[in-house]
Amino acid sequence: MRWLERGLLLRGPSGSGKSDFVLRLLEAGAWLVADDLVQLRREGDLLMAQGPAPRGLLELRGLGIYRLAAMPRTRIHLCVRLGPAEHGPRLPESGSASICGLELPEVALDPSRPSAVARLRLLLWCGRTA
C-alpha cells in the first residue's frame, strides 16, 4: 500500500483482516501495490515492494477477485502487523521488523477497530512521542 506519501507493508495471517483494512485505506486515498503476494527487494538502504503480474488484483473473501488501479512499486517505510488487539502495556516498546537485511519500524494494529485507519493516519502524520 502507499498512503500519505508512505509505503506500508501490511502483514498478518490469513483471515487477520488485511483485505478489509485495504478497502478502508483505499477509501481514504491509499494506492494498492499488491494484495497477498508482494515481491520485496533491497535497493541499497531501501526496501522496495512491487506486485507480481498481473498487477492490481485484490481478493475479497466471499466476493471474488477484483482488478483495481495499482502502483507498480513503492518504497516501504513502515510494517503494520495486523491482528486482534492484545492486552499489553499502554505504552508498548517501539517495534521493528528485519526484512531483506534492513530494520524497519513496525507497529501492531487491530484492523477490526473502528479507529484503525485514524490510528494509522495519526502515526504517519505525527509519529510517536512516548
C-alpha atoms as a PDB file:
ATOM      1  CA  MET A   1       0.000   0.000   0.000  1.00  0.00           C
ATOM      2  CA  ARG A   2       1.025   3.590  -0.478  1.00  0.00           C
ATOM      3  CA  TRP A   3      -0.753   6.117   1.678  1.00  0.00           C
ATOM      4  CA  LEU A   4       0.085   9.634   2.838  1.00  0.00           C
ATOM      5  CA  GLU A   5       3.400   9.542   0.945  1.00  0.00           C
ATOM      6  CA  ARG A   6       4.481   6.353   2.764  1.00  0.00           C
ATOM      7  CA  GLY A   7       4.818   2.757   1.678  1.00  0.00           C
ATOM      8  CA  LEU A   8       3.123   0.318   4.056  1.00  0.00           C
ATOM      9  CA  LEU A   9       3.720  -3.418   4.272  1.00  0.00           C
ATOM     10  CA  LEU A  10       0.598  -4.948   5.822  1.00  0.00           C
ATOM     11  CA  ARG A  11       1.421  -8.265   7.465  1.00  0.00           C
ATOM     12  CA  GLY A  12      -0.765 -10.846   9.133  1.00  0.00           C
ATOM     13  CA  PRO A  13      -2.016 -14.409   8.875  1.00  0.00           C
ATOM     14  CA  SER A  14      -4.853 -15.444   6.608  1.00  0.00           C
ATOM     15  CA  GLY A  15      -8.120 -14.130   7.996  1.00  0.00           C
ATOM     16  CA  SER A  16      -6.483 -11.326  10.013  1.00  0.00           C
ATOM     17  CA  GLY A  17      -8.435  -8.615   8.165  1.00  0.00           C
ATOM     18  CA  LYS A  18      -5.807  -7.450   5.663  1.00  0.00           C
ATOM     19  CA  SER A  19      -8.102  -7.160   2.639  1.00  0.00           C
ATOM     20  CA  ASP A  20     -10.872  -5.457   4.603  1.00  0.00           C
ATOM     21  CA  PHE A  21      -8.347  -2.990   6.020  1.00  0.00           C
ATOM     22  CA  VAL A  22      -7.002  -2.409   2.496  1.00  0.00           C
ATOM     23  CA  LEU A  23     -10.537  -1.470   1.395  1.00  0.00           C
ATOM     24  CA  ARG A  24     -10.781   1.129   4.150  1.00  0.00           C
ATOM     25  CA  LEU A  25      -7.357   2.526   3.263  1.00  0.00           C
ATOM     26  CA  LEU A  26      -8.355   2.708  -0.425  1.00  0.00           C
ATOM     27  CA  GLU A  27     -11.434   4.710   0.564  1.00  0.00           C
ATOM     28  CA  ALA A  28      -9.100   7.032   2.498  1.00  0.00           C
ATOM     29  CA  GLY A  29      -6.992   7.668  -0.622  1.00  0.00           C
ATOM     30  CA  ALA A  30      -4.378   4.895  -0.497  1.00  0.00           C
ATOM     31  CA  TRP A  31      -2.998   3.107  -3.555  1.00  0.00           C
ATOM     32  CA  LEU A  32      -2.737  -0.652  -3.885  1.00  0.00           C
ATOM     33  CA  VAL A  33       0.685  -2.054  -4.743  1.00  0.00           C
ATOM     34  CA  ALA A  34      -0.020  -5.749  -4.149  1.00  0.00           C
ATOM     35  CA  ASP A  35      -2.515  -7.979  -2.371  1.00  0.00           C
ATOM     36  CA  ASP A  36      -1.478 -11.310  -0.834  1.00  0.00           C
ATOM     37  CA  LEU A  37       1.729 -11.691  -2.828  1.00  0.00           C
ATOM     38  CA  VAL A  38       4.337  -8.957  -2.814  1.00  0.00           C
ATOM     39  CA  GLN A  39       7.873  -9.005  -4.169  1.00  0.00           C
ATOM     40  CA  LEU A  40      10.329  -7.309  -1.819  1.00  0.00           C
ATOM     41  CA  ARG A  41      13.787  -6.245  -2.919  1.00  0.00           C
ATOM     42  CA  ARG A  42      16.547  -4.397  -1.145  1.00  0.00           C
ATOM     43  CA  GLU A  43      17.994  -1.493  -3.117  1.00  0.00           C
ATOM     44  CA  GLY A  44      20.845  -0.061  -1.060  1.00  0.00           C
ATOM     45  CA  ASP A  45      19.288   1.111   2.212  1.00  0.00           C
ATOM     46  CA  LEU A  46      15.738   0.989   0.827  1.00  0.00           C
ATOM     47  CA  LEU A  47      13.169  -1.804   0.789  1.00  0.00           C
ATOM     48  CA  MET A  48      11.143  -1.731  -2.431  1.00  0.00           C
ATOM     49  CA  ALA A  49       7.848  -3.579  -2.978  1.00  0.00           C
ATOM     50  CA  GLN A  50       6.008  -4.489  -6.142  1.00  0.00           C
ATOM     51  CA  GLY A  51       3.192  -6.798  -7.019  1.00  0.00           C
ATOM     52  CA  PRO A  52       3.525  -9.763  -9.349  1.00  0.00           C
ATOM     53  CA  ALA A  53       1.876  -9.601 -12.756  1.00  0.00           C
ATOM     54  CA  PRO A  54      -0.959  -9.150 -13.346  1.00  0.00           C
ATOM     55  CA  ARG A  55      -0.982  -6.132 -11.019  1.00  0.00           C
ATOM     56  CA  GLY A  56      -3.905  -4.640  -9.176  1.00  0.00           C
ATOM     57  CA  LEU A  57      -5.736  -7.812  -8.186  1.00  0.00           C
ATOM     58  CA  LEU A  58      -7.488  -7.793  -4.807  1.00  0.00           C
ATOM     59  CA  GLU A  59      -9.257 -10.835  -3.382  1.00  0.00           C
ATOM     60  CA  LEU A  60     -12.235 -10.167  -1.159  1.00  0.00           C
ATOM     61  CA  ARG A  61     -13.217 -13.235   0.811  1.00  0.00           C
ATOM     62  CA  GLY A  62     -16.727 -14.267  -0.115  1.00  0.00           C
ATOM     63  CA  LEU A  63     -16.955 -11.850  -3.072  1.00  0.00           C
ATOM     64  CA  GLY A  64     -14.191 -12.826  -5.512  1.00  0.00           C
ATOM     65  CA  ILE A  65     -11.201 -11.193  -7.163  1.00  0.00           C
ATOM     66  CA  TYR A  66     -11.277  -7.610  -8.416  1.00  0.00           C
ATOM     67  CA  ARG A  67      -8.891  -5.568 -10.560  1.00  0.00           C
ATOM     68  CA  LEU A  68      -8.006  -2.123  -9.216  1.00  0.00           C
ATOM     69  CA  ALA A  69      -5.687   0.657 -10.289  1.00  0.00           C
ATOM     70  CA  ALA A  70      -2.328  -0.082  -8.675  1.00  0.00           C
ATOM     71  CA  MET A  71       1.084   1.496  -8.312  1.00  0.00           C
ATOM     72  CA  PRO A  72       3.818  -0.531  -9.997  1.00  0.00           C
ATOM     73  CA  ARG A  73       6.118  -0.270  -6.955  1.00  0.00           C
ATOM     74  CA  THR A  74       6.848   1.722  -3.819  1.00  0.00           C
ATOM     75  CA  ARG A  75       9.412   2.122  -1.094  1.00  0.00           C
ATOM     76  CA  ILE A  76       8.365   0.527   2.214  1.00  0.00           C
ATOM     77  CA  HIS A  77       8.598   2.897   5.174  1.00  0.00           C
ATOM     78  CA  LEU A  78       6.574   1.013   7.796  1.00  0.00           C
ATOM     79  CA  CYS A  79       5.494  -2.553   8.562  1.00  0.00           C
ATOM     80  CA  VAL A  80       1.993  -2.874  10.011  1.00  0.00           C
ATOM     81  CA  ARG A  81       1.349  -6.171  11.795  1.00  0.00           C
ATOM     82  CA  LEU A  82      -2.407  -6.791  11.720  1.00  0.00           C
ATOM     83  CA  GLY A  83      -4.226  -8.905  14.256  1.00  0.00           C
ATOM     84  CA  PRO A  84      -6.595  -8.756  17.205  1.00  0.00           C
ATOM     85  CA  ALA A  85      -5.762  -6.287  19.959  1.00  0.00           C
ATOM     86  CA  GLU A  86      -3.845  -7.861  22.788  1.00  0.00           C
ATOM     87  CA  HIS A  87      -3.987  -6.725  26.363  1.00  0.00           C
ATOM     88  CA  GLY A  88      -0.491  -5.429  26.818  1.00  0.00           C
ATOM     89  CA  PRO A  89       1.190  -2.327  28.144  1.00  0.00           C
ATOM     90  CA  ARG A  90      -0.469   1.016  27.463  1.00  0.00           C
ATOM     91  CA  LEU A  91       2.798   2.330  26.015  1.00  0.00           C
ATOM     92  CA  PRO A  92       4.484  -0.602  24.267  1.00  0.00           C
ATOM     93  CA  GLU A  93       8.103  -0.518  23.211  1.00  0.00           C
ATOM     94  CA  SER A  94       8.763   0.620  19.653  1.00  0.00           C
ATOM     95  CA  GLY A  95       8.949  -2.381  17.363  1.00  0.00           C
ATOM     96  CA  SER A  96      10.933  -3.238  14.291  1.00  0.00           C
ATOM     97  CA  ALA A  97      10.999  -5.902  11.606  1.00  0.00           C
ATOM     98  CA  SER A  98      14.057  -7.234   9.814  1.00  0.00           C
ATOM     99  CA  ILE A  99      13.348  -7.735   6.108  1.00  0.00           C
ATOM    100  CA  CYS A 100      15.998  -8.368   3.463  1.00  0.00           C
ATOM    101  CA  GLY A 101      18.650  -7.365   5.996  1.00  0.00           C
ATOM    102  CA  LEU A 102      17.022  -3.986   6.723  1.00  0.00           C
ATOM    103  CA  GLU A 103      15.480  -2.917  10.022  1.00  0.00           C
ATOM    104  CA  LEU A 104      12.125  -1.198   9.506  1.00  0.00           C
ATOM    105  CA  PRO A 105       9.781   0.277  12.096  1.00  0.00           C
ATOM    106  CA  GLU A 106       6.804  -1.970  12.833  1.00  0.00           C
ATOM    107  CA  VAL A 107       3.542  -1.319  14.647  1.00  0.00           C
ATOM    108  CA  ALA A 108       0.766  -3.670  15.722  1.00  0.00           C
ATOM    109  CA  LEU A 109      -2.756  -2.669  14.765  1.00  0.00           C
ATOM    110  CA  ASP A 110      -6.151  -4.295  15.200  1.00  0.00           C
ATOM    111  CA  PRO A 111      -7.822  -3.740  11.803  1.00  0.00           C
ATOM    112  CA  SER A 112     -11.275  -4.512  13.207  1.00  0.00           C
ATOM    113  CA  ARG A 113     -11.271  -1.415  15.419  1.00  0.00           C
ATOM    114  CA  PRO A 114     -13.369   1.431  14.009  1.00  0.00           C
ATOM    115  CA  SER A 115     -10.426   3.764  14.669  1.00  0.00           C
ATOM    116  CA  ALA A 116      -7.814   1.625  12.848  1.00  0.00           C
ATOM    117  CA  VAL A 117      -7.454   3.946   9.821  1.00  0.00           C
ATOM    118  CA  ALA A 118      -7.422   7.043  12.038  1.00  0.00           C
ATOM    119  CA  ARG A 119      -4.781   5.473  14.314  1.00  0.00           C
ATOM    120  CA  LEU A 120      -2.555   4.720  11.337  1.00  0.00           C
ATOM    121  CA  ARG A 121      -3.063   8.248   9.944  1.00  0.00           C
ATOM    122  CA  LEU A 122      -2.062   9.743  13.299  1.00  0.00           C
ATOM    123  CA  LEU A 123       1.030   7.567  13.427  1.00  0.00           C
ATOM    124  CA  LEU A 124       2.092   8.579   9.909  1.00  0.00           C
ATOM    125  CA  TRP A 125       1.376  12.292  10.363  1.00  0.00           C
ATOM    126  CA  CYS A 126       2.622  12.805  13.884  1.00  0.00           C
ATOM    127  CA  GLY A 127       4.867   9.956  14.906  1.00  0.00           C
ATOM    128  CA  ARG A 128       5.078   8.836  18.495  1.00  0.00           C
ATOM    129  CA  THR A 129       6.477  10.990  21.284  1.00  0.00           C
ATOM    130  CA  ALA A 130       6.491   8.460  24.159  1.00  0.00           C
END
